[in-house]
């Protein structure tokens, strides 16, 4: 089965490599997606407007040019909470299938984020967030150890589909998750200790979903094969294959690992199909 990649960062035109910055255009990425058996990718937005790439407008332009290969999510500038609903409504009318990647470095109980979650719930637009351990440290929405603010969002917005992503979210897979900001910003390693907050929140709140992209997502699943496979089976209707690729030289290990697990019959075909494709089709209408 061909995969849908729910997390990509690409440009509408090819840019020269500048130091460590190596970004691939949507067109030039297509052969690499084909190599990885990815039929369609979802572009993350990094700005409402202003930049020559990564904005809502730029990603819409890519999807208008390659409608069979890409879809896009939108993001908003953290200003004017009163206009959030109308701005999101316009994005949805323009074709945005969700909100992402939400990287605003504010606590999850911030008034702007609350306005965004409220509007997203009313508009039925799923939200993919990147989480940071602390305001002013790294980037992304902020929660405390144990994810108490995320739990409040899940409770207060039961119809909002929220996709967790990044180190500070997936490190909470295990009950021994570190509590310091440096440790919370690392990939999980070693056997998972039962009782982690991510499994607990998945069990309690059916509106919590998981973006399995980057090394944060793949390590959360692959660090402990038995636990990871059980988690995939149990929540196979709420997990999404994704990569977080920004250029054609990047390959993350999860895709090949999922292929290997289903071939060895360690992962059911139903769970594999849901995670790699069907969930994206059902939840995002792809």
Protein backbone atom coordinates (compact mmCIF):
# COMPACT_ATOMS: atom_id res chain seq x y z
CA UNK A 1 0.00 0.00 0.00
CA UNK A 2 1.23 3.48 -0.90
CA UNK A 3 1.66 5.84 2.05
CA UNK A 4 0.38 9.31 2.79
CA UNK A 5 2.98 11.48 4.54
CA UNK A 6 1.23 13.85 6.93
CA UNK A 7 4.21 16.13 7.63
CA UNK A 8 6.46 17.76 5.01
CA UNK A 9 8.23 21.13 4.68
CA UNK A 10 8.91 22.07 1.03
CA UNK A 11 9.35 25.15 -1.14
CA UNK A 12 7.44 26.21 -4.28
CA UNK A 13 10.72 26.68 -6.17
CA UNK A 14 14.21 25.30 -5.72
CA UNK A 15 16.47 27.39 -3.50
CA UNK A 16 20.28 27.16 -3.40
CA UNK A 17 21.80 25.40 -0.43
CA UNK A 18 22.80 27.99 2.15
CA UNK A 19 25.11 26.56 4.79
CA UNK A 20 23.13 23.96 6.72
CA UNK A 21 19.88 25.07 5.14
CA UNK A 22 19.00 22.59 2.42
CA UNK A 23 15.40 22.83 1.25
CA UNK A 24 13.94 20.89 -1.66
CA UNK A 25 11.20 22.17 -3.92
CA UNK A 26 7.91 20.32 -4.15
CA UNK A 27 8.68 19.34 -7.75
CA UNK A 28 12.18 18.07 -7.01
CA UNK A 29 10.90 16.10 -4.03
CA UNK A 30 8.55 13.94 -6.11
CA UNK A 31 11.16 11.31 -7.18
CA UNK A 32 12.21 10.86 -3.53
CA UNK A 33 8.60 10.44 -2.45
CA UNK A 34 8.20 7.81 -5.16
CA UNK A 35 11.28 5.98 -3.86
CA UNK A 36 9.71 5.90 -0.41
CA UNK A 37 6.35 4.71 -1.77
CA UNK A 38 4.66 7.93 -0.68
CA UNK A 39 1.79 8.81 -2.95
CA UNK A 40 0.79 12.10 -1.31
CA UNK A 41 2.29 14.50 1.20
CA UNK A 42 0.77 17.15 3.46
CA UNK A 43 2.68 20.43 3.68
CA UNK A 44 3.10 22.18 7.00
CA UNK A 45 2.84 25.99 7.08
CA UNK A 46 5.37 28.04 9.01
CA UNK A 47 3.82 31.50 8.63
CA UNK A 48 0.52 33.12 7.77
CA UNK A 49 2.24 35.37 5.25
CA UNK A 50 5.46 37.21 4.50
CA UNK A 51 8.08 34.56 3.66
CA UNK A 52 8.79 33.35 0.09
CA UNK A 53 8.20 29.76 1.21
CA UNK A 54 6.44 27.83 3.94
CA UNK A 55 3.52 30.27 4.15
CA UNK A 56 -0.14 29.45 3.68
CA UNK A 57 -0.04 31.15 0.27
CA UNK A 58 3.11 29.34 -0.88
CA UNK A 59 1.79 25.95 0.18
CA UNK A 60 -1.56 26.58 -1.48
CA UNK A 61 0.31 27.43 -4.69
CA UNK A 62 2.18 24.11 -4.53
CA UNK A 63 -1.04 22.18 -4.02
CA UNK A 64 -2.78 24.03 -6.84
CA UNK A 65 0.08 22.96 -9.12
CA UNK A 66 0.33 19.36 -7.85
CA UNK A 67 -3.19 18.59 -6.55
CA UNK A 68 -2.73 14.82 -6.74
CA UNK A 69 0.54 14.83 -4.81
CA UNK A 70 0.18 17.46 -2.08
CA UNK A 71 -2.30 18.94 0.37
CA UNK A 72 -1.61 21.61 2.99
CA UNK A 73 -2.28 22.76 6.52
CA UNK A 74 -2.33 26.40 7.59
CA UNK A 75 -1.06 28.46 10.49
CA UNK A 76 -1.86 31.91 11.89
CA UNK A 77 0.15 34.80 13.26
CA UNK A 78 -0.45 34.97 17.04
CA UNK A 79 -2.31 38.27 17.00
CA UNK A 80 -5.88 39.60 17.09
CA UNK A 81 -7.69 36.68 18.77
CA UNK A 82 -11.04 38.14 17.70
CA UNK A 83 -10.23 37.48 14.03
CA UNK A 84 -8.99 33.91 14.47
CA UNK A 85 -12.24 32.28 13.37
CA UNK A 86 -12.55 34.36 10.19
CA UNK A 87 -8.88 33.84 9.29
CA UNK A 88 -9.17 30.08 9.77
CA UNK A 89 -12.44 29.97 7.89
CA UNK A 90 -10.75 31.64 4.91
CA UNK A 91 -7.88 29.13 5.05
CA UNK A 92 -10.37 26.27 5.01
CA UNK A 93 -12.19 27.77 2.03
CA UNK A 94 -8.81 28.09 0.29
CA UNK A 95 -8.23 24.36 0.77
CA UNK A 96 -6.41 23.95 4.08
CA UNK A 97 -7.22 20.56 5.61
CA UNK A 98 -6.04 21.41 9.12
CA UNK A 99 -3.80 23.63 11.24
CA UNK A 100 -0.12 22.82 11.39
CA UNK A 101 2.52 22.98 12.22
CA UNK A 102 1.49 24.94 15.32
CA UNK A 103 4.83 26.23 16.66
CA UNK A 104 3.83 29.36 18.58
CA UNK A 105 6.06 29.48 21.67
CA UNK A 106 3.33 30.15 24.21
CA UNK A 107 1.80 28.03 26.94
CA UNK A 108 -1.18 25.97 25.90
CA UNK A 109 -3.48 28.03 28.12
CA UNK A 110 -2.51 31.25 26.33
CA UNK A 111 -5.61 33.28 25.27
CA UNK A 112 -4.61 33.28 21.60
CA UNK A 113 -4.17 29.51 21.55
CA UNK A 114 -7.48 29.08 23.34
CA UNK A 115 -9.16 31.18 20.64
CA UNK A 116 -7.47 29.09 17.97
CA UNK A 117 -8.56 25.78 19.51
CA UNK A 118 -12.10 27.05 19.89
CA UNK A 119 -12.28 28.13 16.24
CA UNK A 120 -10.60 24.95 15.00
CA UNK A 121 -13.13 22.83 16.88
CA UNK A 122 -16.05 24.74 15.38
CA UNK A 123 -14.57 24.52 11.88
CA UNK A 124 -13.63 20.83 12.26
CA UNK A 125 -9.96 21.50 11.46
CA UNK A 126 -7.49 19.10 13.14
CA UNK A 127 -4.44 20.70 14.79
CA UNK A 128 -0.87 19.34 14.63
CA UNK A 129 1.38 20.93 17.26
CA UNK A 130 5.11 20.99 17.91
CA UNK A 131 5.74 21.10 21.66
CA UNK A 132 8.53 22.88 23.55
CA UNK A 133 9.40 22.28 27.21
CA UNK A 134 9.57 25.98 28.10
CA UNK A 135 8.77 29.46 26.80
CA UNK A 136 11.91 30.91 25.25
CA UNK A 137 13.51 27.48 24.83
CA UNK A 138 13.37 25.87 21.39
CA UNK A 139 10.05 26.47 19.60
CA UNK A 140 6.51 25.19 19.84
CA UNK A 141 3.56 25.31 22.20
CA UNK A 142 4.54 24.85 25.83
CA UNK A 143 3.36 22.43 28.50
CA UNK A 144 4.73 21.29 31.84
CA UNK A 145 6.09 17.79 32.61
CA UNK A 146 3.21 15.34 32.59
CA UNK A 147 1.27 17.42 30.02
CA UNK A 148 -1.39 18.90 32.35
CA UNK A 149 -2.24 21.78 30.00
CA UNK A 150 -2.72 19.43 27.05
CA UNK A 151 -5.15 17.42 29.13
CA UNK A 152 -7.18 20.56 29.83
CA UNK A 153 -7.32 21.33 26.10
CA UNK A 154 -8.51 17.79 25.39
CA UNK A 155 -11.20 18.11 28.06
CA UNK A 156 -12.36 21.58 27.03
CA UNK A 157 -12.42 20.78 23.31
CA UNK A 158 -13.74 17.21 23.02
CA UNK A 159 -14.58 17.51 19.32
CA UNK A 160 -11.19 18.95 18.35
CA UNK A 161 -8.76 16.44 16.86
CA UNK A 162 -5.30 17.21 18.28
CA UNK A 163 -2.16 15.62 16.81
CA UNK A 164 0.80 15.46 19.18
CA UNK A 165 4.32 15.81 17.76
CA UNK A 166 7.94 16.54 18.74
CA UNK A 167 10.32 15.48 21.50
CA UNK A 168 8.55 17.10 24.44
CA UNK A 169 5.34 15.27 23.57
CA UNK A 170 6.66 11.81 22.63
CA UNK A 171 9.21 11.68 25.50
CA UNK A 172 6.12 11.27 27.71
CA UNK A 173 5.54 7.81 26.26
CA UNK A 174 7.42 6.41 29.26
CA UNK A 175 6.70 6.90 32.97
CA UNK A 176 10.34 7.82 33.59
CA UNK A 177 10.21 10.82 31.23
CA UNK A 178 12.70 13.51 32.33
CA UNK A 179 11.38 16.70 33.89
CA UNK A 180 14.20 19.13 33.05
CA UNK A 181 13.95 21.17 29.86
CA UNK A 182 17.02 19.64 28.22
CA UNK A 183 15.90 16.09 28.91
CA UNK A 184 12.37 16.80 27.72
CA UNK A 185 13.74 18.02 24.40
CA UNK A 186 15.47 14.68 23.63
CA UNK A 187 14.33 11.60 21.74
CA UNK A 188 13.16 8.74 23.91
CA UNK A 189 15.59 5.84 24.38
CA UNK A 190 15.51 2.41 25.99
CA UNK A 191 12.63 0.30 27.26
CA UNK A 192 9.35 2.09 27.94
CA UNK A 193 8.32 2.15 31.59
CA UNK A 194 4.55 1.53 31.82
CA UNK A 195 2.45 4.40 33.09
CA UNK A 196 3.61 7.15 30.74
CA UNK A 197 1.38 10.15 30.22
CA UNK A 198 1.02 9.80 26.45
CA UNK A 199 -0.50 6.30 26.68
CA UNK A 200 -2.68 7.51 29.57
CA UNK A 201 -3.98 10.47 27.59
CA UNK A 202 -4.60 8.28 24.52
CA UNK A 203 -6.61 5.92 26.73
CA UNK A 204 -8.71 8.69 28.30
CA UNK A 205 -9.28 11.08 25.39
CA UNK A 206 -10.42 9.84 21.95
CA UNK A 207 -9.67 13.29 20.47
CA UNK A 208 -5.90 12.84 20.94
CA UNK A 209 -4.05 11.66 17.84
CA UNK A 210 -0.37 11.12 17.06
CA UNK A 211 1.91 12.46 14.32
CA UNK A 212 4.68 9.84 14.09
CA UNK A 213 7.10 12.04 12.16
CA UNK A 214 10.79 12.76 12.71
CA UNK A 215 13.06 10.93 15.11
CA UNK A 216 10.85 11.95 18.03
CA UNK A 217 7.90 9.96 16.69
CA UNK A 218 9.86 7.02 15.33
CA UNK A 219 11.92 6.61 18.52
CA UNK A 220 8.75 6.70 20.63
CA UNK A 221 7.54 3.61 18.76
CA UNK A 222 10.82 1.86 17.92
CA UNK A 223 12.67 2.30 21.25
CA UNK A 224 10.77 -0.67 22.71
CA UNK A 225 9.52 -2.97 19.94
CA UNK A 226 6.99 -4.91 22.00
CA UNK A 227 5.50 -1.81 23.62
CA UNK A 228 5.57 0.11 20.34
CA UNK A 229 3.76 -2.60 18.39
CA UNK A 230 1.11 -2.89 21.10
CA UNK A 231 0.63 0.90 21.02
CA UNK A 232 0.29 0.87 17.22
CA UNK A 233 -2.31 -1.88 17.33
CA UNK A 234 -4.33 -0.35 20.17
CA UNK A 235 -4.47 3.13 18.67
CA UNK A 236 -4.17 2.27 15.00
CA UNK A 237 -7.17 4.49 14.21
CA UNK A 238 -5.46 7.61 15.66
CA UNK A 239 -1.85 7.42 14.47
CA UNK A 240 -0.43 8.83 11.25
CA UNK A 241 2.66 7.95 9.26
CA UNK A 242 4.69 11.11 8.64
CA UNK A 243 8.32 12.06 8.04
CA UNK A 244 9.05 15.79 8.64
CA UNK A 245 11.32 15.82 5.59
CA UNK A 246 12.59 19.13 4.24
CA UNK A 247 14.85 17.82 1.49
CA UNK A 248 15.32 14.83 -0.81
CA UNK A 249 18.37 13.57 1.09
CA UNK A 250 16.38 12.81 4.24
CA UNK A 251 15.10 9.35 5.13
CA UNK A 252 13.55 8.60 8.51
CA UNK A 253 13.49 4.97 9.70
CA UNK A 254 9.83 4.51 10.62
CA UNK A 255 8.51 3.82 7.11
CA UNK A 256 10.89 0.93 6.45
CA UNK A 257 10.35 -0.39 9.99
CA UNK A 258 6.58 -0.44 9.53
CA UNK A 259 7.06 -2.28 6.22
CA UNK A 260 9.30 -4.82 7.95
CA UNK A 261 6.91 -5.33 10.87
CA UNK A 262 3.90 -6.01 8.65
CA UNK A 263 5.93 -8.32 6.39
CA UNK A 264 7.00 -10.32 9.45
CA UNK A 265 3.36 -10.32 10.68
CA UNK A 266 4.38 -8.57 13.89
CA UNK A 267 2.01 -5.74 12.96
CA UNK A 268 -1.43 -6.47 11.56
CA UNK A 269 -2.25 -5.44 8.01
CA UNK A 270 -5.27 -3.51 9.27
CA UNK A 271 -3.18 -1.42 11.67
CA UNK A 272 -0.52 -0.84 9.01
CA UNK A 273 -3.09 0.28 6.43
CA UNK A 274 -4.76 2.64 8.91
CA UNK A 275 -1.51 4.28 10.01
CA UNK A 276 0.07 4.56 6.58
CA UNK A 277 -2.96 5.72 4.62
CA UNK A 278 -6.53 5.19 5.74
CA UNK A 279 -6.48 7.45 8.80
CA UNK A 280 -5.29 10.38 6.66
CA UNK A 281 -8.05 9.67 4.19
CA UNK A 282 -10.73 9.40 6.87
CA UNK A 283 -9.68 12.25 9.20
CA UNK A 284 -8.40 14.74 6.62
CA UNK A 285 -10.49 13.75 3.61
CA UNK A 286 -7.49 12.86 1.44
